Every structure is written in C-alpha cells, then in structure tokens.
Amino acid sequence: MAEQEIKISLSDEVAGGDYANLAVISHNENEFIMDFIFAHPPTGKVNARIIMSPAHAKRFLRALQENVAIYEKGFKPIKEAPEPPKFGLEFSKN
C-alpha cells in the first residue's frame, strides 16, 4: 500500500496545551471517552474531552507505553505519585 501524506495544522491556542492532573475514562461498546481535568479542590474543570474508537484507544495505550519507556531510558525512571484521596466527581454543564 502506498504511503499517504497528511498535512496537520496546529493552532496557536491548541499549541499552548492545557494542564491536567486528573483523567476520567469511561467507555461503551463503540468508544472510549477520556476527560482530561485540572482538579483543584473544591473545583475542577474539564480542559479536553477526547473520544476514540476502541481500536484507536488500544493504539494510543501502546504509543503511550512506548513513549514512557523511551523517556525512562533517556532520563530516569518515573516515580509514581501516591494514590490521591478518593473523592466524588460531579459533572455540570456550563
């Protein structure tokens, strides 16, 4: 199969990125839904919601695992943070 080139644009707004210290992941038969949240109790804000197919979610998982391994090989092992305290989440629409 011939390789296809895709030109991808990146706006200045998106290029700046958003910080997230919490991710909430849910799924159904057809998709995975990932909410990336900046939580600063007592409030939090969903900065991004990414919805992808199960096949894309699995490829994303593999890509993230590979990139963490590359990072740790080039820098140092990442220390896992302790589990945050359990708290309830309530989503509201603005």
PDB file of N, CA and C in Angstrom:
ATOM      1  N   MET A   1       0.847  -1.177   0.000  1.00  0.00           N
ATOM      2  CA  MET A   1       0.000   0.000   0.000  1.00  0.00           C
ATOM      3  C   MET A   1       0.891   1.239   0.000  1.00  0.00           C
ATOM      4  N   ALA A   2       0.565   2.210  -0.814  1.00  0.00           N
ATOM      5  CA  ALA A   2       1.347   3.442  -0.912  1.00  0.00           C
ATOM      6  C   ALA A   2       1.152   4.283   0.347  1.00  0.00           C
ATOM      7  N   GLU A   3       2.239   4.907   0.779  1.00  0.00           N
ATOM      8  CA  GLU A   3       2.168   5.772   1.956  1.00  0.00           C
ATOM      9  C   GLU A   3       1.451   7.059   1.585  1.00  0.00           C
ATOM     10  N   GLN A   4       0.568   7.501   2.449  1.00  0.00           N
ATOM     11  CA  GLN A   4      -0.192   8.722   2.205  1.00  0.00           C
ATOM     12  C   GLN A   4       0.291   9.802   3.163  1.00  0.00           C
ATOM     13  N   GLU A   5       0.491  11.005   2.652  1.00  0.00           N
ATOM     14  CA  GLU A   5       0.919  12.116   3.481  1.00  0.00           C
ATOM     15  C   GLU A   5      -0.297  12.901   3.932  1.00  0.00           C
ATOM     16  N   ILE A   6      -0.332  13.224   5.222  1.00  0.00           N
ATOM     17  CA  ILE A   6      -1.418  14.020   5.778  1.00  0.00           C
ATOM     18  C   ILE A   6      -0.809  15.279   6.368  1.00  0.00           C
ATOM     19  N   LYS A   7      -1.265  16.433   5.917  1.00  0.00           N
ATOM     20  CA  LYS A   7      -0.800  17.705   6.467  1.00  0.00           C
ATOM     21  C   LYS A   7      -1.683  18.053   7.654  1.00  0.00           C
ATOM     22  N   ILE A   8      -1.051  18.251   8.796  1.00  0.00           N
ATOM     23  CA  ILE A   8      -1.779  18.521  10.030  1.00  0.00           C
ATOM     24  C   ILE A   8      -1.485  19.937  10.479  1.00  0.00           C
ATOM     25  N   SER A   9      -2.536  20.686  10.786  1.00  0.00           N
ATOM     26  CA  SER A   9      -2.356  22.054  11.273  1.00  0.00           C
ATOM     27  C   SER A   9      -2.504  22.070  12.792  1.00  0.00           C
ATOM     28  N   LEU A  10      -1.861  23.055  13.411  1.00  0.00           N
ATOM     29  CA  LEU A  10      -1.893  23.203  14.867  1.00  0.00           C
ATOM     30  C   LEU A  10      -2.061  24.682  15.172  1.00  0.00           C
ATOM     31  N   SER A  11      -3.222  25.051  15.706  1.00  0.00           N
ATOM     32  CA  SER A  11      -3.471  26.460  16.010  1.00  0.00           C
ATOM     33  C   SER A  11      -2.634  26.884  17.216  1.00  0.00           C
ATOM     34  N   ASP A  12      -2.401  28.181  17.336  1.00  0.00           N
ATOM     35  CA  ASP A  12      -1.641  28.705  18.469  1.00  0.00           C
ATOM     36  C   ASP A  12      -2.328  28.363  19.787  1.00  0.00           C
ATOM     37  N   GLU A  13      -3.647  28.410  19.798  1.00  0.00           N
ATOM     38  CA  GLU A  13      -4.405  28.121  21.018  1.00  0.00           C
ATOM     39  C   GLU A  13      -4.171  26.682  21.479  1.00  0.00           C
ATOM     40  N   VAL A  14      -4.225  25.747  20.561  1.00  0.00           N
ATOM     41  CA  VAL A  14      -4.029  24.341  20.893  1.00  0.00           C
ATOM     42  C   VAL A  14      -2.564  24.062  21.199  1.00  0.00           C
ATOM     43  N   ALA A  15      -1.652  24.733  20.502  1.00  0.00           N
ATOM     44  CA  ALA A  15      -0.217  24.508  20.700  1.00  0.00           C
ATOM     45  C   ALA A  15       0.218  24.819  22.121  1.00  0.00           C
ATOM     46  N   GLY A  16      -0.469  25.748  22.777  1.00  0.00           N
ATOM     47  CA  GLY A  16      -0.133  26.099  24.158  1.00  0.00           C
ATOM     48  C   GLY A  16      -0.426  24.993  25.142  1.00  0.00           C
ATOM     49  N   GLY A  17      -1.325  24.107  24.792  1.00  0.00           N
ATOM     50  CA  GLY A  17      -1.664  22.972  25.645  1.00  0.00           C
ATOM     51  C   GLY A  17      -2.479  23.365  26.864  1.00  0.00           C
ATOM     52  N   ASP A  18      -2.973  22.379  27.552  1.00  0.00           N
ATOM     53  CA  ASP A  18      -3.707  22.540  28.802  1.00  0.00           C
ATOM     54  C   ASP A  18      -3.150  21.542  29.798  1.00  0.00           C
ATOM     55  N   TYR A  19      -3.055  21.949  31.047  1.00  0.00           N
ATOM     56  CA  TYR A  19      -2.557  21.075  32.101  1.00  0.00           C
ATOM     57  C   TYR A  19      -3.700  20.237  32.658  1.00  0.00           C
ATOM     58  N   ALA A  20      -3.429  18.962  32.887  1.00  0.00           N
ATOM     59  CA  ALA A  20      -4.411  18.074  33.518  1.00  0.00           C
ATOM     60  C   ALA A  20      -3.702  17.261  34.587  1.00  0.00           C
ATOM     61  N   ASN A  21      -4.328  17.171  35.753  1.00  0.00           N
ATOM     62  CA  ASN A  21      -3.787  16.338  36.820  1.00  0.00           C
ATOM     63  C   ASN A  21      -4.754  15.221  37.198  1.00  0.00           C
ATOM     64  N   LEU A  22      -5.769  15.045  36.355  1.00  0.00           N
ATOM     65  CA  LEU A  22      -6.761  14.002  36.577  1.00  0.00           C
ATOM     66  C   LEU A  22      -7.353  13.614  35.229  1.00  0.00           C
ATOM     67  N   ALA A  23      -7.537  12.342  35.022  1.00  0.00           N
ATOM     68  CA  ALA A  23      -8.223  11.860  33.823  1.00  0.00           C
ATOM     69  C   ALA A  23      -9.324  10.912  34.259  1.00  0.00           C
ATOM     70  N   VAL A  24     -10.483  11.089  33.683  1.00  0.00           N
ATOM     71  CA  VAL A  24     -11.606  10.195  33.923  1.00  0.00           C
ATOM     72  C   VAL A  24     -11.888   9.498  32.603  1.00  0.00           C
ATOM     73  N   ILE A  25     -11.857   8.179  32.630  1.00  0.00           N
ATOM     74  CA  ILE A  25     -12.036   7.397  31.409  1.00  0.00           C
ATOM     75  C   ILE A  25     -13.283   6.533  31.550  1.00  0.00           C
ATOM     76  N   SER A  26     -14.131   6.614  30.555  1.00  0.00           N
ATOM     77  CA  SER A  26     -15.309   5.745  30.519  1.00  0.00           C
ATOM     78  C   SER A  26     -15.390   5.152  29.122  1.00  0.00           C
ATOM     79  N   HIS A  27     -16.237   4.164  28.970  1.00  0.00           N
ATOM     80  CA  HIS A  27     -16.358   3.533  27.658  1.00  0.00           C
ATOM     81  C   HIS A  27     -17.712   2.874  27.515  1.00  0.00           C
ATOM     82  N   ASN A  28     -18.050   2.644  26.271  1.00  0.00           N
ATOM     83  CA  ASN A  28     -19.202   1.809  25.931  1.00  0.00           C
ATOM     84  C   ASN A  28     -18.732   0.880  24.831  1.00  0.00           C
ATOM     85  N   GLU A  29     -19.630   0.214  24.182  1.00  0.00           N
ATOM     86  CA  GLU A  29     -19.248  -0.766  23.162  1.00  0.00           C
ATOM     87  C   GLU A  29     -18.498  -0.146  21.978  1.00  0.00           C
ATOM     88  N   ASN A  30     -18.802   1.120  21.684  1.00  0.00           N
ATOM     89  CA  ASN A  30     -18.279   1.737  20.466  1.00  0.00           C
ATOM     90  C   ASN A  30     -17.170   2.760  20.657  1.00  0.00           C
ATOM     91  N   GLU A  31     -16.962   3.242  21.878  1.00  0.00           N
ATOM     92  CA  GLU A  31     -15.982   4.304  22.054  1.00  0.00           C
ATOM     93  C   GLU A  31     -15.453   4.401  23.478  1.00  0.00           C
ATOM     94  N   PHE A  32     -14.269   4.988  23.575  1.00  0.00           N
ATOM     95  CA  PHE A  32     -13.677   5.359  24.850  1.00  0.00           C
ATOM     96  C   PHE A  32     -13.781   6.875  24.953  1.00  0.00           C
ATOM     97  N   ILE A  33     -14.152   7.370  26.116  1.00  0.00           N
ATOM     98  CA  ILE A  33     -14.281   8.797  26.365  1.00  0.00           C
ATOM     99  C   ILE A  33     -13.305   9.149  27.471  1.00  0.00           C
ATOM    100  N   MET A  34     -12.389  10.081  27.169  1.00  0.00           N
ATOM    101  CA  MET A  34     -11.371  10.477  28.133  1.00  0.00           C
ATOM    102  C   MET A  34     -11.524  11.959  28.419  1.00  0.00           C
ATOM    103  N   ASP A  35     -11.819  12.281  29.672  1.00  0.00           N
ATOM    104  CA  ASP A  35     -11.898  13.668  30.112  1.00  0.00           C
ATOM    105  C   ASP A  35     -10.604  14.000  30.838  1.00  0.00           C
ATOM    106  N   PHE A  36      -9.909  15.036  30.364  1.00  0.00           N
ATOM    107  CA  PHE A  36      -8.677  15.497  30.994  1.00  0.00           C
ATOM    108  C   PHE A  36      -9.027  16.739  31.804  1.00  0.00           C
ATOM    109  N   ILE A  37      -8.760  16.672  33.099  1.00  0.00           N
ATOM    110  CA  ILE A  37      -9.282  17.635  34.059  1.00  0.00           C
ATOM    111  C   ILE A  37      -8.147  18.293  34.832  1.00  0.00           C
ATOM    112  N   PHE A  38      -8.286  19.594  35.095  1.00  0.00           N
ATOM    113  CA  PHE A  38      -7.433  20.257  36.079  1.00  0.00           C
ATOM    114  C   PHE A  38      -8.282  20.358  37.335  1.00  0.00           C
ATOM    115  N   ALA A  39      -7.950  19.524  38.313  1.00  0.00           N
ATOM    116  CA  ALA A  39      -8.701  19.477  39.562  1.00  0.00           C
ATOM    117  C   ALA A  39      -7.924  20.229  40.631  1.00  0.00           C
ATOM    118  N   HIS A  40      -8.567  21.224  41.186  1.00  0.00           N
ATOM    119  CA  HIS A  40      -8.003  21.987  42.297  1.00  0.00           C
ATOM    120  C   HIS A  40      -9.136  22.140  43.296  1.00  0.00           C
ATOM    121  N   PRO A  41      -9.267  21.100  44.191  1.00  0.00           N
ATOM    122  CA  PRO A  41     -10.427  21.088  45.089  1.00  0.00           C
ATOM    123  C   PRO A  41     -10.613  22.444  45.779  1.00  0.00           C
ATOM    124  N   PRO A  42     -11.832  22.887  45.863  1.00  0.00           N
ATOM    125  CA  PRO A  42     -13.056  22.095  45.743  1.00  0.00           C
ATOM    126  C   PRO A  42     -13.644  22.062  44.335  1.00  0.00           C
ATOM    127  N   THR A  43     -12.932  22.578  43.323  1.00  0.00           N
ATOM    128  CA  THR A  43     -13.497  22.583  41.979  1.00  0.00           C
ATOM    129  C   THR A  43     -12.531  21.935  40.987  1.00  0.00           C
ATOM    130  N   GLY A  44     -13.003  21.751  39.808  1.00  0.00           N
ATOM    131  CA  GLY A  44     -12.182  21.230  38.731  1.00  0.00           C
ATOM    132  C   GLY A  44     -12.805  21.623  37.408  1.00  0.00           C
ATOM    133  N   LYS A  45     -12.005  21.557  36.344  1.00  0.00           N
ATOM    134  CA  LYS A  45     -12.505  21.926  35.023  1.00  0.00           C
ATOM    135  C   LYS A  45     -12.004  20.928  33.998  1.00  0.00           C
ATOM    136  N   VAL A  46     -12.917  20.412  33.176  1.00  0.00           N
ATOM    137  CA  VAL A  46     -12.520  19.552  32.066  1.00  0.00           C
ATOM    138  C   VAL A  46     -11.900  20.452  31.012  1.00  0.00           C
ATOM    139  N   ASN A  47     -10.614  20.236  30.740  1.00  0.00           N
ATOM    140  CA  ASN A  47      -9.914  21.024  29.729  1.00  0.00           C
ATOM    141  C   ASN A  47     -10.056  20.419  28.346  1.00  0.00           C
ATOM    142  N   ALA A  48     -10.251  19.108  28.285  1.00  0.00           N
ATOM    143  CA  ALA A  48     -10.390  18.448  26.987  1.00  0.00           C
ATOM    144  C   ALA A  48     -11.143  17.137  27.158  1.00  0.00           C
ATOM    145  N   ARG A  49     -11.962  16.827  26.192  1.00  0.00           N
ATOM    146  CA  ARG A  49     -12.635  15.526  26.128  1.00  0.00           C
ATOM    147  C   ARG A  49     -12.250  14.907  24.796  1.00  0.00           C
ATOM    148  N   ILE A  50     -11.655  13.727  24.868  1.00  0.00           N
ATOM    149  CA  ILE A  50     -11.234  13.011  23.673  1.00  0.00           C
ATOM    150  C   ILE A  50     -12.072  11.744  23.569  1.00  0.00           C
ATOM    151  N   ILE A  51     -12.673  11.533  22.403  1.00  0.00           N
ATOM    152  CA  ILE A  51     -13.496  10.353  22.163  1.00  0.00           C
ATOM    153  C   ILE A  51     -12.851   9.581  21.025  1.00  0.00           C
ATOM    154  N   MET A  52     -12.596   8.298  21.247  1.00  0.00           N
ATOM    155  CA  MET A  52     -11.982   7.492  20.187  1.00  0.00           C
ATOM    156  C   MET A  52     -12.535   6.085  20.192  1.00  0.00           C
ATOM    157  N   SER A  53     -12.353   5.422  19.070  1.00  0.00           N
ATOM    158  CA  SER A  53     -12.811   4.043  18.927  1.00  0.00           C
ATOM    159  C   SER A  53     -11.961   3.134  19.816  1.00  0.00           C
ATOM    160  N   PRO A  54     -12.470   1.945  20.157  1.00  0.00           N
ATOM    161  CA  PRO A  54     -11.664   1.005  20.943  1.00  0.00           C
ATOM    162  C   PRO A  54     -10.326   0.675  20.272  1.00  0.00           C
ATOM    163  N   ALA A  55     -10.312   0.523  18.941  1.00  0.00           N
ATOM    164  CA  ALA A  55      -9.063   0.213  18.244  1.00  0.00           C
ATOM    165  C   ALA A  55      -8.062   1.357  18.387  1.00  0.00           C
ATOM    166  N   HIS A  56      -8.524   2.598  18.257  1.00  0.00           N
ATOM    167  CA  HIS A  56      -7.629   3.745  18.431  1.00  0.00           C
ATOM    168  C   HIS A  56      -7.171   3.849  19.886  1.00  0.00           C
ATOM    169  N   ALA A  57      -8.052   3.550  20.828  1.00  0.00           N
ATOM    170  CA  ALA A  57      -7.675   3.606  22.242  1.00  0.00           C
ATOM    171  C   ALA A  57      -6.555   2.610  22.529  1.00  0.00           C
ATOM    172  N   LYS A  58      -6.628   1.438  21.942  1.00  0.00           N
ATOM    173  CA  LYS A  58      -5.589   0.433  22.161  1.00  0.00           C
ATOM    174  C   LYS A  58      -4.265   0.882  21.549  1.00  0.00           C
ATOM    175  N   ARG A  59      -4.324   1.477  20.363  1.00  0.00           N
ATOM    176  CA  ARG A  59      -3.095   2.007  19.742  1.00  0.00           C
ATOM    177  C   ARG A  59      -2.528   3.157  20.561  1.00  0.00           C
ATOM    178  N   PHE A  60      -3.405   3.999  21.110  1.00  0.00           N
ATOM    179  CA  PHE A  60      -2.969   5.110  21.964  1.00  0.00           C
ATOM    180  C   PHE A  60      -2.267   4.577  23.215  1.00  0.00           C
ATOM    181  N   LEU A  61      -2.841   3.543  23.829  1.00  0.00           N
ATOM    182  CA  LEU A  61      -2.232   2.921  25.004  1.00  0.00           C
ATOM    183  C   LEU A  61      -0.835   2.408  24.675  1.00  0.00           C
ATOM    184  N   ARG A  62      -0.698   1.724  23.561  1.00  0.00           N
ATOM    185  CA  ARG A  62       0.601   1.186  23.159  1.00  0.00           C
ATOM    186  C   ARG A  62       1.599   2.314  22.892  1.00  0.00           C
ATOM    187  N   ALA A  63       1.172   3.368  22.217  1.00  0.00           N
ATOM    188  CA  ALA A  63       2.050   4.506  21.929  1.00  0.00           C
ATOM    189  C   ALA A  63       2.489   5.194  23.219  1.00  0.00           C
ATOM    190  N   LEU A  64       1.587   5.333  24.173  1.00  0.00           N
ATOM    191  CA  LEU A  64       1.943   5.959  25.451  1.00  0.00           C
ATOM    192  C   LEU A  64       2.929   5.087  26.218  1.00  0.00           C
ATOM    193  N   GLN A  65       2.700   3.768  26.237  1.00  0.00           N
ATOM    194  CA  GLN A  65       3.637   2.853  26.907  1.00  0.00           C
ATOM    195  C   GLN A  65       5.026   2.943  26.272  1.00  0.00           C
ATOM    196  N   GLU A  66       5.089   2.966  24.945  1.00  0.00           N
ATOM    197  CA  GLU A  66       6.378   3.059  24.248  1.00  0.00           C
ATOM    198  C   GLU A  66       7.078   4.373  24.570  1.00  0.00           C
ATOM    199  N   ASN A  67       6.329   5.467  24.613  1.00  0.00           N
ATOM    200  CA  ASN A  67       6.930   6.763  24.891  1.00  0.00           C
ATOM    201  C   ASN A  67       7.397   6.895  26.338  1.00  0.00           C
ATOM    202  N   VAL A  68       6.679   6.310  27.275  1.00  0.00           N
ATOM    203  CA  VAL A  68       7.139   6.306  28.671  1.00  0.00           C
ATOM    204  C   VAL A  68       8.443   5.514  28.769  1.00  0.00           C
ATOM    205  N   ALA A  69       8.529   4.382  28.091  1.00  0.00           N
ATOM    206  CA  ALA A  69       9.758   3.568  28.111  1.00  0.00           C
ATOM    207  C   ALA A  69      10.932   4.349  27.519  1.00  0.00           C
ATOM    208  N   ILE A  70      10.707   5.052  26.420  1.00  0.00           N
ATOM    209  CA  ILE A  70      11.763   5.860  25.805  1.00  0.00           C
ATOM    210  C   ILE A  70      12.195   6.978  26.752  1.00  0.00           C
ATOM    211  N   TYR A  71      11.239   7.636  27.377  1.00  0.00           N
ATOM    212  CA  TYR A  71      11.540   8.701  28.336  1.00  0.00           C
ATOM    213  C   TYR A  71      12.408   8.162  29.470  1.00  0.00           C
ATOM    214  N   GLU A  72      11.983   7.042  30.060  1.00  0.00           N
ATOM    215  CA  GLU A  72      12.720   6.479  31.199  1.00  0.00           C
ATOM    216  C   GLU A  72      14.117   6.018  30.792  1.00  0.00           C
ATOM    217  N   LYS A  73      14.270   5.544  29.592  1.00  0.00           N
ATOM    218  CA  LYS A  73      15.585   5.119  29.117  1.00  0.00           C
ATOM    219  C   LYS A  73      16.503   6.335  28.939  1.00  0.00           C
ATOM    220  N   GLY A  74      15.959   7.440  28.454  1.00  0.00           N
ATOM    221  CA  GLY A  74      16.759   8.631  28.202  1.00  0.00           C
ATOM    222  C   GLY A  74      16.972   9.509  29.419  1.00  0.00           C
ATOM    223  N   PHE A  75      16.084   9.437  30.391  1.00  0.00           N
ATOM    224  CA  PHE A  75      16.189  10.295  31.561  1.00  0.00           C
ATOM    225  C   PHE A  75      16.354   9.432  32.803  1.00  0.00           C
ATOM    226  N   LYS A  76      15.268   9.119  33.449  1.00  0.00           N
ATOM    227  CA  LYS A  76      15.305   8.268  34.641  1.00  0.00           C
ATOM    228  C   LYS A  76      13.918   7.675  34.845  1.00  0.00           C
ATOM    229  N   PRO A  77      13.828   6.600  35.627  1.00  0.00           N
ATOM    230  CA  PRO A  77      12.506   6.032  35.886  1.00  0.00           C
ATOM    231  C   PRO A  77      11.578   7.066  36.523  1.00  0.00           C
ATOM    232  N   ILE A  78      10.345   7.032  36.103  1.00  0.00           N
ATOM    233  CA  ILE A  78       9.341   7.953  36.632  1.00  0.00           C
ATOM    234  C   ILE A  78       8.811   7.375  37.941  1.00  0.00           C
ATOM    235  N   LYS A  79       8.868   8.177  38.998  1.00  0.00           N
ATOM    236  CA  LYS A  79       8.293   7.756  40.274  1.00  0.00           C
ATOM    237  C   LYS A  79       6.786   7.969  40.204  1.00  0.00           C
ATOM    238  N   GLU A  80       6.070   6.947  40.610  1.00  0.00           N
ATOM    239  CA  GLU A  80       4.615   7.080  40.629  1.00  0.00           C
ATOM    240  C   GLU A  80       4.204   7.866  41.859  1.00  0.00           C
ATOM    241  N   ALA A  81       3.295   8.793  41.655  1.00  0.00           N
ATOM    242  CA  ALA A  81       2.761   9.568  42.771  1.00  0.00           C
ATOM    243  C   ALA A  81       1.844   8.675  43.588  1.00  0.00           C
ATOM    244  N   PRO A  82       1.733   8.960  44.883  1.00  0.00           N
ATOM    245  CA  PRO A  82       0.788   8.168  45.681  1.00  0.00           C
ATOM    246  C   PRO A  82      -0.630   8.374  45.171  1.00  0.00           C
ATOM    247  N   GLU A  83      -1.450   7.387  45.417  1.00  0.00           N
ATOM    248  CA  GLU A  83      -2.862   7.497  45.007  1.00  0.00           C
ATOM    249  C   GLU A  83      -3.472   8.719  45.680  1.00  0.00           C
ATOM    250  N   PRO A  84      -4.175   9.541  44.904  1.00  0.00           N
ATOM    251  CA  PRO A  84      -4.831  10.696  45.528  1.00  0.00           C
ATOM    252  C   PRO A  84      -5.991  10.228  46.396  1.00  0.00           C
ATOM    253  N   PRO A  85      -6.389  11.064  47.329  1.00  0.00           N
ATOM    254  CA  PRO A  85      -7.541  10.674  48.156  1.00  0.00           C
ATOM    255  C   PRO A  85      -8.773  10.498  47.285  1.00  0.00           C
ATOM    256  N   LYS A  86      -9.621   9.588  47.668  1.00  0.00           N
ATOM    257  CA  LYS A  86     -10.852   9.342  46.917  1.00  0.00           C
ATOM    258  C   LYS A  86     -11.830  10.488  47.174  1.00  0.00           C
ATOM    259  N   PHE A  87     -12.432  10.958  46.113  1.00  0.00           N
ATOM    260  CA  PHE A  87     -13.441  11.979  46.238  1.00  0.00           C
ATOM    261  C   PHE A  87     -14.446  11.793  45.128  1.00  0.00           C
ATOM    262  N   GLY A  88     -15.633  12.244  45.347  1.00  0.00           N
ATOM    263  CA  GLY A  88     -16.692  12.116  44.355  1.00  0.00           C
ATOM    264  C   GLY A  88     -16.528  13.152  43.257  1.00  0.00           C
ATOM    265  N   LEU A  89     -16.926  12.807  42.067  1.00  0.00           N
ATOM    266  CA  LEU A  89     -16.896  13.732  40.949  1.00  0.00           C
ATOM    267  C   LEU A  89     -18.315  14.002  40.509  1.00  0.00           C
ATOM    268  N   GLU A  90     -18.610  15.265  40.276  1.00  0.00           N
ATOM    269  CA  GLU A  90     -19.917  15.652  39.777  1.00  0.00           C
ATOM    270  C   GLU A  90     -19.700  16.549  38.568  1.00  0.00           C
ATOM    271  N   PHE A  91     -20.188  16.123  37.411  1.00  0.00           N
ATOM    272  CA  PHE A  91     -20.024  16.899  36.190  1.00  0.00           C
ATOM    273  C   PHE A  91     -21.225  17.823  36.026  1.00  0.00           C
ATOM    274  N   SER A  92     -20.966  19.063  35.661  1.00  0.00           N
ATOM    275  CA  SER A  92     -22.054  20.002  35.367  1.00  0.00           C
ATOM    276  C   SER A  92     -21.744  20.681  34.041  1.00  0.00           C
ATOM    277  N   LYS A  93     -22.777  21.043  33.301  1.00  0.00           N
ATOM    278  CA  LYS A  93     -22.607  21.742  32.028  1.00  0.00           C
ATOM    279  C   LYS A  93     -22.721  23.227  32.287  1.00  0.00           C
ATOM    280  N   ASN A  94     -21.821  23.962  31.651  1.00  0.00           N
ATOM    281  CA  ASN A  94     -21.871  25.440  31.779  1.00  0.00           C
ATOM    282  C   ASN A  94     -22.534  26.038  30.589  1.00  0.00           C
TER     283      ASN A  94
END
